[in-house]
Amino acid sequence: MEPKFAEKGAFTIVGIELTANYLEMHLVGELWKRFVPRFHEVQHVINSHNTWGVTWNRQNDFTYVACFEVSEPSNLPEGMVTREVPGSRYAVFTHHGKIDTTSQTYHYAFDTWFKQSGYEHDFTLPSLELYDDRFLGTDNEESQMEIWLPIK
């Protein structure tokens, strides 16, 4: 499972935000359940087929935003936030399968690939999850999503 590499410039997101400790990762799924029915409320979406999960990791907790990339964050819907995501170079891993098995792809990236690759994960920048037309649902074995890890 070798990653591809991608550059992505800085971009603006609009979505619903969660801050929690690492024992509460299950709350991310609940966040998506709140965001999906509100997709239509987000204006100036660059690509409606691409939804993003953006994670800022800290020592004791994390902030996750289920979101769209937007061209401008005007008319912010109630309960939503806008954030700027800095540009970076990424190692992009494609996860195949149900959403509850994404930890396997993350473990491979951190426990195997980073240790052997010569790259370092840039913990100062957010990690990204991309859900596009290949994502067929949380319980679909044929689903695919991408995990974008900033590298240095």
C-alpha atoms as a PDB file:
ATOM      1  CA  MET A   1       0.000   0.000   0.000  1.00  0.00           C
ATOM      2  CA  GLU A   2       2.290   2.734  -1.253  1.00  0.00           C
ATOM      3  CA  PRO A   3       1.019   6.308  -1.142  1.00  0.00           C
ATOM      4  CA  LYS A   4       0.911   8.752  -3.980  1.00  0.00           C
ATOM      5  CA  PHE A   5       2.223  12.247  -3.389  1.00  0.00           C
ATOM      6  CA  ALA A   6       0.251  15.444  -3.824  1.00  0.00           C
ATOM      7  CA  GLU A   7       0.705  19.163  -3.312  1.00  0.00           C
ATOM      8  CA  LYS A   8      -2.298  21.160  -2.192  1.00  0.00           C
ATOM      9  CA  GLY A   9      -2.212  24.898  -1.731  1.00  0.00           C
ATOM     10  CA  ALA A  10      -3.917  26.684   1.130  1.00  0.00           C
ATOM     11  CA  PHE A  11      -7.697  26.435   1.019  1.00  0.00           C
ATOM     12  CA  THR A  12     -10.809  27.525   2.890  1.00  0.00           C
ATOM     13  CA  ILE A  13     -13.336  25.138   4.415  1.00  0.00           C
ATOM     14  CA  VAL A  14     -16.860  25.433   5.802  1.00  0.00           C
ATOM     15  CA  GLY A  15     -18.372  22.692   7.933  1.00  0.00           C
ATOM     16  CA  ILE A  16     -19.219  21.417  11.392  1.00  0.00           C
ATOM     17  CA  GLU A  17     -16.455  21.210  13.993  1.00  0.00           C
ATOM     18  CA  LEU A  18     -15.777  18.852  16.890  1.00  0.00           C
ATOM     19  CA  THR A  19     -13.072  19.062  19.546  1.00  0.00           C
ATOM     20  CA  ALA A  20     -12.672  15.917  21.650  1.00  0.00           C
ATOM     21  CA  ASN A  21     -10.093  13.720  23.339  1.00  0.00           C
ATOM     22  CA  TYR A  22      -8.692  10.661  21.594  1.00  0.00           C
ATOM     23  CA  LEU A  23     -10.973   8.290  23.521  1.00  0.00           C
ATOM     24  CA  GLU A  24     -13.925  10.006  21.823  1.00  0.00           C
ATOM     25  CA  MET A  25     -12.977   9.293  18.193  1.00  0.00           C
ATOM     26  CA  HIS A  26     -16.400   7.653  17.742  1.00  0.00           C
ATOM     27  CA  LEU A  27     -17.916  11.150  17.887  1.00  0.00           C
ATOM     28  CA  VAL A  28     -16.516  11.854  14.407  1.00  0.00           C
ATOM     29  CA  GLY A  29     -19.145   9.514  12.925  1.00  0.00           C
ATOM     30  CA  GLU A  30     -21.864  11.386  14.797  1.00  0.00           C
ATOM     31  CA  LEU A  31     -20.489  14.656  13.440  1.00  0.00           C
ATOM     32  CA  TRP A  32     -20.826  13.379   9.865  1.00  0.00           C
ATOM     33  CA  LYS A  33     -24.418  12.301  10.585  1.00  0.00           C
ATOM     34  CA  ARG A  34     -25.158  15.908  11.561  1.00  0.00           C
ATOM     35  CA  PHE A  35     -23.318  17.401   8.575  1.00  0.00           C
ATOM     36  CA  VAL A  36     -24.578  15.245   5.671  1.00  0.00           C
ATOM     37  CA  PRO A  37     -28.220  16.440   5.846  1.00  0.00           C
ATOM     38  CA  ARG A  38     -26.926  20.024   5.838  1.00  0.00           C
ATOM     39  CA  PHE A  39     -24.698  19.777   2.735  1.00  0.00           C
ATOM     40  CA  HIS A  40     -27.102  21.987   0.770  1.00  0.00           C
ATOM     41  CA  GLU A  41     -26.624  24.867   3.230  1.00  0.00           C
ATOM     42  CA  VAL A  42     -22.953  25.410   2.355  1.00  0.00           C
ATOM     43  CA  GLN A  43     -22.497  28.044  -0.354  1.00  0.00           C
ATOM     44  CA  HIS A  44     -19.642  28.567  -2.833  1.00  0.00           C
ATOM     45  CA  VAL A  45     -18.610  24.887  -2.748  1.00  0.00           C
ATOM     46  CA  ILE A  46     -15.734  24.250  -5.152  1.00  0.00           C
ATOM     47  CA  ASN A  47     -16.562  20.575  -5.802  1.00  0.00           C
ATOM     48  CA  SER A  48     -19.765  19.110  -4.343  1.00  0.00           C
ATOM     49  CA  HIS A  49     -18.455  15.574  -4.997  1.00  0.00           C
ATOM     50  CA  ASN A  50     -15.557  16.089  -2.565  1.00  0.00           C
ATOM     51  CA  THR A  51     -16.170  16.291   1.160  1.00  0.00           C
ATOM     52  CA  TRP A  52     -13.246  16.619   3.515  1.00  0.00           C
ATOM     53  CA  GLY A  53     -12.466  15.653   7.068  1.00  0.00           C
ATOM     54  CA  VAL A  54      -9.762  17.983   8.390  1.00  0.00           C
ATOM     55  CA  THR A  55      -8.010  17.075  11.656  1.00  0.00           C
ATOM     56  CA  TRP A  56      -5.796  19.255  13.814  1.00  0.00           C
ATOM     57  CA  ASN A  57      -4.034  16.941  16.286  1.00  0.00           C
ATOM     58  CA  ARG A  58      -2.722  18.057  19.665  1.00  0.00           C
ATOM     59  CA  GLN A  59      -1.173  16.138  22.534  1.00  0.00           C
ATOM     60  CA  ASN A  60      -4.389  15.501  24.485  1.00  0.00           C
ATOM     61  CA  ASP A  61      -7.157  16.224  22.009  1.00  0.00           C
ATOM     62  CA  PHE A  62      -8.027  16.885  18.394  1.00  0.00           C
ATOM     63  CA  THR A  63     -10.279  19.143  16.358  1.00  0.00           C
ATOM     64  CA  TYR A  64     -12.061  17.602  13.373  1.00  0.00           C
ATOM     65  CA  VAL A  65     -14.090  19.492  10.796  1.00  0.00           C
ATOM     66  CA  ALA A  66     -16.455  17.657   8.416  1.00  0.00           C
ATOM     67  CA  CYS A  67     -16.535  20.117   5.547  1.00  0.00           C
ATOM     68  CA  PHE A  68     -16.480  21.307   1.965  1.00  0.00           C
ATOM     69  CA  GLU A  69     -13.755  23.344   0.320  1.00  0.00           C
ATOM     70  CA  VAL A  70     -15.246  26.724  -0.599  1.00  0.00           C
ATOM     71  CA  SER A  71     -14.194  29.641  -2.783  1.00  0.00           C
ATOM     72  CA  GLU A  72     -15.384  32.123  -0.160  1.00  0.00           C
ATOM     73  CA  PRO A  73     -16.873  31.641   3.308  1.00  0.00           C
ATOM     74  CA  SER A  74     -19.826  34.025   3.064  1.00  0.00           C
ATOM     75  CA  ASN A  75     -23.291  33.455   4.555  1.00  0.00           C
ATOM     76  CA  LEU A  76     -21.985  30.946   7.092  1.00  0.00           C
ATOM     77  CA  PRO A  77     -24.819  28.587   8.108  1.00  0.00           C
ATOM     78  CA  GLU A  78     -25.773  28.508  11.774  1.00  0.00           C
ATOM     79  CA  GLY A  79     -23.620  26.099  13.770  1.00  0.00           C
ATOM     80  CA  MET A  80     -20.929  25.889  11.089  1.00  0.00           C
ATOM     81  CA  VAL A  81     -17.378  27.227  11.112  1.00  0.00           C
ATOM     82  CA  THR A  82     -14.911  28.386   8.508  1.00  0.00           C
ATOM     83  CA  ARG A  83     -11.207  27.588   8.731  1.00  0.00           C
ATOM     84  CA  GLU A  84      -8.123  28.177   6.613  1.00  0.00           C
ATOM     85  CA  VAL A  85      -6.082  25.063   5.869  1.00  0.00           C
ATOM     86  CA  PRO A  86      -2.409  25.764   5.086  1.00  0.00           C
ATOM     87  CA  GLY A  87      -0.883  24.354   1.936  1.00  0.00           C
ATOM     88  CA  SER A  88       1.396  21.326   2.152  1.00  0.00           C
ATOM     89  CA  ARG A  89       2.912  18.340   0.414  1.00  0.00           C
ATOM     90  CA  TYR A  90       1.103  15.121   1.329  1.00  0.00           C
ATOM     91  CA  ALA A  91       1.547  11.381   1.297  1.00  0.00           C
ATOM     92  CA  VAL A  92      -1.890  10.180   0.153  1.00  0.00           C
ATOM     93  CA  PHE A  93      -3.028   6.706   1.204  1.00  0.00           C
ATOM     94  CA  THR A  94      -6.146   5.164  -0.335  1.00  0.00           C
ATOM     95  CA  HIS A  95      -8.241   3.234   2.174  1.00  0.00           C
ATOM     96  CA  HIS A  96     -10.394   0.405   0.784  1.00  0.00           C
ATOM     97  CA  GLY A  97     -13.334  -0.918   2.782  1.00  0.00           C
ATOM     98  CA  LYS A  98     -15.685  -0.007   5.579  1.00  0.00           C
ATOM     99  CA  ILE A  99     -15.085   3.218   7.437  1.00  0.00           C
ATOM    100  CA  ASP A 100     -14.587   1.402  10.751  1.00  0.00           C
ATOM    101  CA  THR A 101     -11.405  -0.171   9.346  1.00  0.00           C
ATOM    102  CA  THR A 102      -9.637   3.118   8.505  1.00  0.00           C
ATOM    103  CA  SER A 103      -7.482   2.673  11.604  1.00  0.00           C
ATOM    104  CA  GLN A 104      -5.687  -0.136   9.727  1.00  0.00           C
ATOM    105  CA  THR A 105      -4.604   2.305   7.009  1.00  0.00           C
ATOM    106  CA  TYR A 106      -3.546   4.892   9.579  1.00  0.00           C
ATOM    107  CA  HIS A 107      -1.557   2.248  11.494  1.00  0.00           C
ATOM    108  CA  TYR A 108       0.192   1.151   8.304  1.00  0.00           C
ATOM    109  CA  ALA A 109       1.088   4.761   7.466  1.00  0.00           C
ATOM    110  CA  PHE A 110       2.493   5.581  10.899  1.00  0.00           C
ATOM    111  CA  ASP A 111       3.854   2.223  12.073  1.00  0.00           C
ATOM    112  CA  THR A 112       5.331   1.005   8.780  1.00  0.00           C
ATOM    113  CA  TRP A 113       5.507   3.503   5.942  1.00  0.00           C
ATOM    114  CA  PHE A 114       6.834   6.573   7.781  1.00  0.00           C
ATOM    115  CA  LYS A 115       9.474   4.457   9.549  1.00  0.00           C
ATOM    116  CA  GLN A 116      10.757   3.081   6.229  1.00  0.00           C
ATOM    117  CA  SER A 117      10.206   5.989   3.847  1.00  0.00           C
ATOM    118  CA  GLY A 118      12.607   8.668   5.004  1.00  0.00           C
ATOM    119  CA  TYR A 119       9.703  11.131   5.277  1.00  0.00           C
ATOM    120  CA  GLU A 120       8.381  12.604   8.488  1.00  0.00           C
ATOM    121  CA  HIS A 121       4.788  13.412   9.322  1.00  0.00           C
ATOM    122  CA  ASP A 122       4.437  17.168   9.821  1.00  0.00           C
ATOM    123  CA  PHE A 123       2.386  17.280  13.017  1.00  0.00           C
ATOM    124  CA  THR A 124       2.192  21.078  12.849  1.00  0.00           C
ATOM    125  CA  LEU A 125      -0.269  20.828   9.938  1.00  0.00           C
ATOM    126  CA  PRO A 126      -3.722  19.231   9.768  1.00  0.00           C
ATOM    127  CA  SER A 127      -4.290  15.805   8.237  1.00  0.00           C
ATOM    128  CA  LEU A 128      -7.017  15.413   5.634  1.00  0.00           C
ATOM    129  CA  GLU A 129      -9.553  12.777   4.665  1.00  0.00           C
ATOM    130  CA  LEU A 130     -11.090  13.012   1.196  1.00  0.00           C
ATOM    131  CA  TYR A 131     -14.476  11.443   0.480  1.00  0.00           C
ATOM    132  CA  ASP A 132     -15.288  11.578  -3.237  1.00  0.00           C
ATOM    133  CA  ASP A 133     -17.363   9.521  -5.695  1.00  0.00           C
ATOM    134  CA  ARG A 134     -15.436   6.374  -4.742  1.00  0.00           C
ATOM    135  CA  PHE A 135     -16.882   6.547  -1.228  1.00  0.00           C
ATOM    136  CA  LEU A 136     -19.981   4.347  -1.349  1.00  0.00           C
ATOM    137  CA  GLY A 137     -21.030   4.516   2.308  1.00  0.00           C
ATOM    138  CA  THR A 138     -19.652   3.732   5.729  1.00  0.00           C
ATOM    139  CA  ASP A 139     -20.555   0.020   5.657  1.00  0.00           C
ATOM    140  CA  ASN A 140     -19.707  -0.727   2.021  1.00  0.00           C
ATOM    141  CA  GLU A 141     -16.707  -3.042   1.520  1.00  0.00           C
ATOM    142  CA  GLU A 142     -16.123  -1.441  -1.915  1.00  0.00           C
ATOM    143  CA  SER A 143     -15.811   2.094  -0.511  1.00  0.00           C
ATOM    144  CA  GLN A 144     -12.627   4.059  -0.966  1.00  0.00           C
ATOM    145  CA  MET A 145     -11.446   7.247   0.686  1.00  0.00           C
ATOM    146  CA  GLU A 146      -8.102   8.993   0.851  1.00  0.00           C
ATOM    147  CA  ILE A 147      -5.994   9.865   3.885  1.00  0.00           C
ATOM    148  CA  TRP A 148      -3.721  12.858   3.222  1.00  0.00           C
ATOM    149  CA  LEU A 149      -0.842  13.111   5.699  1.00  0.00           C
ATOM    150  CA  PRO A 150       1.363  16.231   5.547  1.00  0.00           C
ATOM    151  CA  ILE A 151       5.026  15.378   5.100  1.00  0.00           C
ATOM    152  CA  LYS A 152       8.369  17.075   5.536  1.00  0.00           C
END
